[in-house]
Amino acid sequence: MTSAILLSGGMDSTTLLWWLKSQTSDPIHAISIDYRQRHHTELTAAAQLARDLAAHKVIALDLATIGGSPLTDPDRKVPAAAAHRQIDTVVPFRNMLFVTLAAAYCETQSITDLYLAPVRDDFSAYRDCRRPFYDSLEISLRLGATRDTAFKLHTPFIDKWKSEVVALGLELGVPYGQTHTCYEGQRPACGRCDACAERLAAFASNEVADPLPYA
């Protein structure tokens, strides 16, 4: 049965793609969202990573017109992890919008299983990375679908820490050097933002060097 995955091009969703591919021989559709993010380069990473494993679809969503986050407003500064202001990077209702768009595409492809990669580290700053949110959204999608469909949102990493996700990815041979994480959208990565800090900590917990270069 064909399934779909939201693929950002980052560490967690890429690990999920490799994990899903290890679980099934059925076709996979990888969906990426171009929301005019500062770190737009992640879309290039997603396309490269999906190339041999999944059909890749990019959906445009202009969240720059709303702003409210340094990820969509270039005039706002990305906070350093040391400032403990990760909540400032929240893009309002981003995951709800992403999942709804992906679900709409899934309906056109008769896909009822959508996989997402929220992890336990995300809970404190990102309220839309918690399972109760996805349970509620899953019900809403089923109620709003064109036909009565048992649509399912799968979040297999939701109780895992990023360090555990990296451990799994290392076992699966995930090419982490091809992924993109930095909120600043730069390569070499800044090494200062929350995304970089969490990534570096996850690799350090596994006593493995992160293959990405850092400024």
C-alpha atoms as a PDB file:
ATOM      1  CA  MET A   1       0.000   0.000   0.000  1.00  0.00           C
ATOM      2  CA  THR A   2       1.409   3.386  -0.982  1.00  0.00           C
ATOM      3  CA  SER A   3       2.246   5.748   1.875  1.00  0.00           C
ATOM      4  CA  ALA A   4       3.430   9.339   2.156  1.00  0.00           C
ATOM      5  CA  ILE A   5       5.895  11.188   4.349  1.00  0.00           C
ATOM      6  CA  LEU A   6       6.459  14.854   5.104  1.00  0.00           C
ATOM      7  CA  LEU A   7      10.135  15.313   4.265  1.00  0.00           C
ATOM      8  CA  SER A   8      11.821  18.562   5.242  1.00  0.00           C
ATOM      9  CA  GLY A   9      15.330  17.514   4.352  1.00  0.00           C
ATOM     10  CA  GLY A  10      16.341  17.653   8.000  1.00  0.00           C
ATOM     11  CA  MET A  11      17.764  15.006  10.281  1.00  0.00           C
ATOM     12  CA  ASP A  12      14.552  13.619  11.781  1.00  0.00           C
ATOM     13  CA  SER A  13      12.376  13.351   8.672  1.00  0.00           C
ATOM     14  CA  THR A  14      15.260  11.888   6.667  1.00  0.00           C
ATOM     15  CA  THR A  15      15.742   9.201   9.303  1.00  0.00           C
ATOM     16  CA  LEU A  16      12.016   8.533   9.105  1.00  0.00           C
ATOM     17  CA  LEU A  17      12.242   8.090   5.329  1.00  0.00           C
ATOM     18  CA  TRP A  18      15.069   5.576   5.687  1.00  0.00           C
ATOM     19  CA  TRP A  19      13.174   3.781   8.461  1.00  0.00           C
ATOM     20  CA  LEU A  20       9.958   3.646   6.418  1.00  0.00           C
ATOM     21  CA  LYS A  21      11.855   2.304   3.418  1.00  0.00           C
ATOM     22  CA  SER A  22      13.238  -0.457   5.650  1.00  0.00           C
ATOM     23  CA  GLN A  23       9.701  -1.371   6.700  1.00  0.00           C
ATOM     24  CA  THR A  24       8.021  -1.614   3.296  1.00  0.00           C
ATOM     25  CA  SER A  25       8.676  -2.366  -0.345  1.00  0.00           C
ATOM     26  CA  ASP A  26       5.578  -0.410  -1.361  1.00  0.00           C
ATOM     27  CA  PRO A  27       5.824   3.016  -3.057  1.00  0.00           C
ATOM     28  CA  ILE A  28       6.472   6.098  -0.925  1.00  0.00           C
ATOM     29  CA  HIS A  29       5.590   9.695  -1.747  1.00  0.00           C
ATOM     30  CA  ALA A  30       7.824  12.282  -0.070  1.00  0.00           C
ATOM     31  CA  ILE A  31       6.133  15.672   0.334  1.00  0.00           C
ATOM     32  CA  SER A  32       8.098  18.851   1.033  1.00  0.00           C
ATOM     33  CA  ILE A  33       6.640  22.292   1.729  1.00  0.00           C
ATOM     34  CA  ASP A  34       8.147  25.437   0.243  1.00  0.00           C
ATOM     35  CA  TYR A  35       6.848  28.017   2.706  1.00  0.00           C
ATOM     36  CA  ARG A  36       9.456  30.657   1.822  1.00  0.00           C
ATOM     37  CA  GLN A  37      11.526  29.581   4.779  1.00  0.00           C
ATOM     38  CA  ARG A  38      14.835  31.233   5.554  1.00  0.00           C
ATOM     39  CA  HIS A  39      16.481  27.809   5.340  1.00  0.00           C
ATOM     40  CA  HIS A  40      15.152  27.222   1.825  1.00  0.00           C
ATOM     41  CA  THR A  41      18.183  25.082   1.063  1.00  0.00           C
ATOM     42  CA  GLU A  42      16.506  22.242   2.969  1.00  0.00           C
ATOM     43  CA  LEU A  43      14.281  21.711  -0.080  1.00  0.00           C
ATOM     44  CA  THR A  44      17.315  20.974  -2.228  1.00  0.00           C
ATOM     45  CA  ALA A  45      18.437  18.479   0.402  1.00  0.00           C
ATOM     46  CA  ALA A  46      15.004  16.865   0.464  1.00  0.00           C
ATOM     47  CA  ALA A  47      14.958  16.437  -3.313  1.00  0.00           C
ATOM     48  CA  GLN A  48      18.383  14.801  -3.301  1.00  0.00           C
ATOM     49  CA  LEU A  49      17.548  12.517  -0.381  1.00  0.00           C
ATOM     50  CA  ALA A  50      14.239  11.372  -1.871  1.00  0.00           C
ATOM     51  CA  ARG A  51      15.671  10.752  -5.334  1.00  0.00           C
ATOM     52  CA  ASP A  52      16.267   7.007  -5.013  1.00  0.00           C
ATOM     53  CA  LEU A  53      13.710   6.198  -2.327  1.00  0.00           C
ATOM     54  CA  ALA A  54      10.481   8.029  -3.063  1.00  0.00           C
ATOM     55  CA  ALA A  55       8.501  10.099  -5.499  1.00  0.00           C
ATOM     56  CA  HIS A  56       9.055  13.725  -4.486  1.00  0.00           C
ATOM     57  CA  LYS A  57       6.413  16.445  -4.450  1.00  0.00           C
ATOM     58  CA  VAL A  58       6.962  20.089  -3.451  1.00  0.00           C
ATOM     59  CA  ILE A  59       3.932  22.130  -2.398  1.00  0.00           C
ATOM     60  CA  ALA A  60       4.136  25.932  -2.189  1.00  0.00           C
ATOM     61  CA  LEU A  61       2.730  27.794   0.809  1.00  0.00           C
ATOM     62  CA  ASP A  62       3.691  31.446   1.297  1.00  0.00           C
ATOM     63  CA  LEU A  63       3.983  31.923   5.061  1.00  0.00           C
ATOM     64  CA  ALA A  64       6.242  34.951   4.577  1.00  0.00           C
ATOM     65  CA  THR A  65       3.068  37.002   4.101  1.00  0.00           C
ATOM     66  CA  ILE A  66       2.146  36.142   7.696  1.00  0.00           C
ATOM     67  CA  GLY A  67       5.584  36.355   9.278  1.00  0.00           C
ATOM     68  CA  GLY A  68       5.836  36.160  13.052  1.00  0.00           C
ATOM     69  CA  SER A  69       8.963  34.016  13.075  1.00  0.00           C
ATOM     70  CA  PRO A  70      12.589  34.472  12.021  1.00  0.00           C
ATOM     71  CA  LEU A  71      12.126  31.376   9.876  1.00  0.00           C
ATOM     72  CA  THR A  72       9.730  33.307   7.612  1.00  0.00           C
ATOM     73  CA  ASP A  73      10.700  36.941   8.299  1.00  0.00           C
ATOM     74  CA  PRO A  74      14.263  37.857   7.251  1.00  0.00           C
ATOM     75  CA  ASP A  75      14.085  41.026   9.371  1.00  0.00           C
ATOM     76  CA  ARG A  76      13.869  38.964  12.553  1.00  0.00           C
ATOM     77  CA  LYS A  77      17.046  37.557  14.040  1.00  0.00           C
ATOM     78  CA  VAL A  78      17.368  33.819  14.668  1.00  0.00           C
ATOM     79  CA  PRO A  79      18.075  33.449  18.401  1.00  0.00           C
ATOM     80  CA  ALA A  80      21.129  31.567  19.566  1.00  0.00           C
ATOM     81  CA  ALA A  81      20.492  28.409  21.561  1.00  0.00           C
ATOM     82  CA  ALA A  82      22.290  30.019  24.485  1.00  0.00           C
ATOM     83  CA  ALA A  83      19.503  32.608  24.710  1.00  0.00           C
ATOM     84  CA  HIS A  84      16.916  29.911  25.500  1.00  0.00           C
ATOM     85  CA  ARG A  85      14.417  31.559  23.141  1.00  0.00           C
ATOM     86  CA  GLN A  86      13.535  28.675  20.851  1.00  0.00           C
ATOM     87  CA  ILE A  87       9.873  29.572  21.207  1.00  0.00           C
ATOM     88  CA  ASP A  88      10.623  32.679  19.121  1.00  0.00           C
ATOM     89  CA  THR A  89      11.211  30.389  16.121  1.00  0.00           C
ATOM     90  CA  VAL A  90       7.668  28.992  16.163  1.00  0.00           C
ATOM     91  CA  VAL A  91       5.874  29.476  12.840  1.00  0.00           C
ATOM     92  CA  PRO A  92       2.205  29.786  13.864  1.00  0.00           C
ATOM     93  CA  PHE A  93       0.238  26.637  13.054  1.00  0.00           C
ATOM     94  CA  ARG A  94       2.940  25.447  10.679  1.00  0.00           C
ATOM     95  CA  ASN A  95       2.441  21.742  11.266  1.00  0.00           C
ATOM     96  CA  MET A  96      -1.323  21.983  10.970  1.00  0.00           C
ATOM     97  CA  LEU A  97      -0.962  23.743   7.623  1.00  0.00           C
ATOM     98  CA  PHE A  98       1.702  21.310   6.426  1.00  0.00           C
ATOM     99  CA  VAL A  99      -0.268  18.213   7.360  1.00  0.00           C
ATOM    100  CA  THR A 100      -3.494  19.562   5.859  1.00  0.00           C
ATOM    101  CA  LEU A 101      -1.770  20.330   2.558  1.00  0.00           C
ATOM    102  CA  ALA A 102      -0.062  16.940   2.547  1.00  0.00           C
ATOM    103  CA  ALA A 103      -3.366  15.232   3.331  1.00  0.00           C
ATOM    104  CA  ALA A 104      -5.013  17.032   0.412  1.00  0.00           C
ATOM    105  CA  TYR A 105      -2.297  15.724  -1.894  1.00  0.00           C
ATOM    106  CA  CYS A 106      -2.641  12.252  -0.378  1.00  0.00           C
ATOM    107  CA  GLU A 107      -6.350  12.272  -1.153  1.00  0.00           C
ATOM    108  CA  THR A 108      -5.655  12.942  -4.836  1.00  0.00           C
ATOM    109  CA  GLN A 109      -3.309   9.924  -4.829  1.00  0.00           C
ATOM    110  CA  SER A 110      -5.631   7.642  -2.804  1.00  0.00           C
ATOM    111  CA  ILE A 111      -3.062   7.528   0.001  1.00  0.00           C
ATOM    112  CA  THR A 112      -4.419   7.093   3.522  1.00  0.00           C
ATOM    113  CA  ASP A 113      -1.191   6.796   5.544  1.00  0.00           C
ATOM    114  CA  LEU A 114       0.910   9.900   6.179  1.00  0.00           C
ATOM    115  CA  TYR A 115       4.127   9.671   8.221  1.00  0.00           C
ATOM    116  CA  LEU A 116       5.557  12.572  10.230  1.00  0.00           C
ATOM    117  CA  ALA A 117       8.740  12.979  12.274  1.00  0.00           C
ATOM    118  CA  PRO A 118       8.084  14.999  15.437  1.00  0.00           C
ATOM    119  CA  VAL A 119      10.400  13.957  18.287  1.00  0.00           C
ATOM    120  CA  ARG A 120      10.351  14.337  22.047  1.00  0.00           C
ATOM    121  CA  ASP A 121      12.855  17.227  22.053  1.00  0.00           C
ATOM    122  CA  ASP A 122      10.270  19.347  20.209  1.00  0.00           C
ATOM    123  CA  PHE A 123       7.591  19.220  22.902  1.00  0.00           C
ATOM    124  CA  SER A 124       8.638  22.201  25.012  1.00  0.00           C
ATOM    125  CA  ALA A 125       8.735  24.850  22.272  1.00  0.00           C
ATOM    126  CA  TYR A 126       6.474  23.386  19.609  1.00  0.00           C
ATOM    127  CA  ARG A 127       3.013  22.495  20.893  1.00  0.00           C
ATOM    128  CA  ASP A 128       2.030  21.107  17.481  1.00  0.00           C
ATOM    129  CA  CYS A 129       4.602  18.321  17.832  1.00  0.00           C
ATOM    130  CA  ARG A 130       2.619  16.443  20.490  1.00  0.00           C
ATOM    131  CA  ARG A 131       0.503  13.376  19.859  1.00  0.00           C
ATOM    132  CA  PRO A 132      -2.780  14.856  21.223  1.00  0.00           C
ATOM    133  CA  PHE A 133      -2.534  17.490  18.499  1.00  0.00           C
ATOM    134  CA  TYR A 134      -2.123  14.821  15.815  1.00  0.00           C
ATOM    135  CA  ASP A 135      -4.946  12.727  17.267  1.00  0.00           C
ATOM    136  CA  SER A 136      -7.252  15.719  16.990  1.00  0.00           C
ATOM    137  CA  LEU A 137      -6.036  16.624  13.507  1.00  0.00           C
ATOM    138  CA  GLU A 138      -6.445  13.037  12.331  1.00  0.00           C
ATOM    139  CA  ILE A 139     -10.098  13.128  13.385  1.00  0.00           C
ATOM    140  CA  SER A 140     -10.607  16.458  11.619  1.00  0.00           C
ATOM    141  CA  LEU A 141      -9.049  15.173   8.408  1.00  0.00           C
ATOM    142  CA  ARG A 142     -11.277  12.112   8.435  1.00  0.00           C
ATOM    143  CA  LEU A 143     -14.339  14.298   9.002  1.00  0.00           C
ATOM    144  CA  GLY A 144     -13.367  16.749   6.270  1.00  0.00           C
ATOM    145  CA  ALA A 145     -12.233  14.298   3.595  1.00  0.00           C
ATOM    146  CA  THR A 146     -14.206  14.095   0.366  1.00  0.00           C
ATOM    147  CA  ARG A 147     -15.163  10.531   1.200  1.00  0.00           C
ATOM    148  CA  ASP A 148     -15.313   8.450   4.357  1.00  0.00           C
ATOM    149  CA  THR A 149     -11.647   7.506   4.642  1.00  0.00           C
ATOM    150  CA  ALA A 150      -9.653   5.936   7.474  1.00  0.00           C
ATOM    151  CA  PHE A 151      -6.883   8.512   7.117  1.00  0.00           C
ATOM    152  CA  LYS A 152      -4.005   7.884   9.530  1.00  0.00           C
ATOM    153  CA  LEU A 153      -1.223  10.149  10.826  1.00  0.00           C
ATOM    154  CA  HIS A 154       1.778   8.067  11.884  1.00  0.00           C
ATOM    155  CA  THR A 155       4.341   9.551  14.295  1.00  0.00           C
ATOM    156  CA  PRO A 156       6.707   6.659  15.113  1.00  0.00           C
ATOM    157  CA  PHE A 157       9.415   8.905  16.605  1.00  0.00           C
ATOM    158  CA  ILE A 158       7.185  11.020  18.834  1.00  0.00           C
ATOM    159  CA  ASP A 159       8.428   9.446  22.077  1.00  0.00           C
ATOM    160  CA  LYS A 160      12.067   9.277  20.957  1.00  0.00           C
ATOM    161  CA  TRP A 161      14.784  11.817  21.729  1.00  0.00           C
ATOM    162  CA  LYS A 162      16.870  13.104  18.823  1.00  0.00           C
ATOM    163  CA  SER A 163      19.804  11.109  20.165  1.00  0.00           C
ATOM    164  CA  GLU A 164      17.720   7.944  19.752  1.00  0.00           C
ATOM    165  CA  VAL A 165      16.702   8.965  16.237  1.00  0.00           C
ATOM    166  CA  VAL A 166      20.361   9.461  15.297  1.00  0.00           C
ATOM    167  CA  ALA A 167      21.242   6.070  16.779  1.00  0.00           C
ATOM    168  CA  LEU A 168      18.571   4.481  14.594  1.00  0.00           C
ATOM    169  CA  GLY A 169      19.705   6.444  11.560  1.00  0.00           C
ATOM    170  CA  LEU A 170      23.290   5.353  12.011  1.00  0.00           C
ATOM    171  CA  GLU A 171      22.124   1.735  11.995  1.00  0.00           C
ATOM    172  CA  LEU A 172      20.124   2.387   8.818  1.00  0.00           C
ATOM    173  CA  GLY A 173      22.981   4.172   7.061  1.00  0.00           C
ATOM    174  CA  VAL A 174      21.246   7.542   6.762  1.00  0.00           C
ATOM    175  CA  PRO A 175      23.486   9.972   4.808  1.00  0.00           C
ATOM    176  CA  TYR A 176      23.363  12.742   7.405  1.00  0.00           C
ATOM    177  CA  GLY A 177      25.963  14.730   5.497  1.00  0.00           C
ATOM    178  CA  GLN A 178      23.306  15.404   2.839  1.00  0.00           C
ATOM    179  CA  THR A 179      20.687  16.703   5.284  1.00  0.00           C
ATOM    180  CA  HIS A 180      20.126  20.312   6.335  1.00  0.00           C
ATOM    181  CA  THR A 181      19.232  21.490   9.841  1.00  0.00           C
ATOM    182  CA  CYS A 182      20.493  25.052  10.441  1.00  0.00           C
ATOM    183  CA  TYR A 183      17.743  27.666  10.941  1.00  0.00           C
ATOM    184  CA  GLU A 184      20.008  30.274   9.349  1.00  0.00           C
ATOM    185  CA  GLY A 185      19.956  28.295   6.125  1.00  0.00           C
ATOM    186  CA  GLN A 186      23.701  28.504   5.694  1.00  0.00           C
ATOM    187  CA  ARG A 187      26.346  25.952   4.841  1.00  0.00           C
ATOM    188  CA  PRO A 188      28.605  25.574   6.729  1.00  0.00           C
ATOM    189  CA  ALA A 189      25.903  25.528   9.417  1.00  0.00           C
ATOM    190  CA  CYS A 190      25.969  28.302  12.010  1.00  0.00           C
ATOM    191  CA  GLY A 191      26.356  25.932  14.972  1.00  0.00           C
ATOM    192  CA  ARG A 192      24.615  28.475  17.233  1.00  0.00           C
ATOM    193  CA  CYS A 193      20.873  28.192  16.593  1.00  0.00           C
ATOM    194  CA  ASP A 194      18.678  25.767  18.505  1.00  0.00           C
ATOM    195  CA  ALA A 195      18.408  23.430  15.531  1.00  0.00           C
ATOM    196  CA  CYS A 196      22.188  23.159  15.207  1.00  0.00           C
ATOM    197  CA  ALA A 197      22.678  22.820  18.972  1.00  0.00           C
ATOM    198  CA  GLU A 198      20.179  19.972  19.244  1.00  0.00           C
ATOM    199  CA  ARG A 199      21.674  18.214  16.259  1.00  0.00           C
ATOM    200  CA  LEU A 200      25.219  18.470  17.590  1.00  0.00           C
ATOM    201  CA  ALA A 201      24.083  17.208  21.002  1.00  0.00           C
ATOM    202  CA  ALA A 202      22.346  14.223  19.411  1.00  0.00           C
ATOM    203  CA  PHE A 203      25.507  13.170  17.581  1.00  0.00           C
ATOM    204  CA  ALA A 204      27.633  13.773  20.659  1.00  0.00           C
ATOM    205  CA  SER A 205      25.331  11.508  22.674  1.00  0.00           C
ATOM    206  CA  ASN A 206      26.127   8.759  20.199  1.00  0.00           C
ATOM    207  CA  GLU A 207      29.862   9.558  20.351  1.00  0.00           C
ATOM    208  CA  VAL A 208      29.874  10.161  16.601  1.00  0.00           C
ATOM    209  CA  ALA A 209      30.986  13.283  14.760  1.00  0.00           C
ATOM    210  CA  ASP A 210      28.302  15.142  12.831  1.00  0.00           C
ATOM    211  CA  PRO A 211      29.329  14.914   9.141  1.00  0.00           C
ATOM    212  CA  LEU A 212      28.085  18.451   8.437  1.00  0.00           C
ATOM    213  CA  PRO A 213      30.613  21.312   8.383  1.00  0.00           C
ATOM    214  CA  TYR A 214      30.056  24.136  10.891  1.00  0.00           C
ATOM    215  CA  ALA A 215      31.157  27.740  10.760  1.00  0.00           C
END
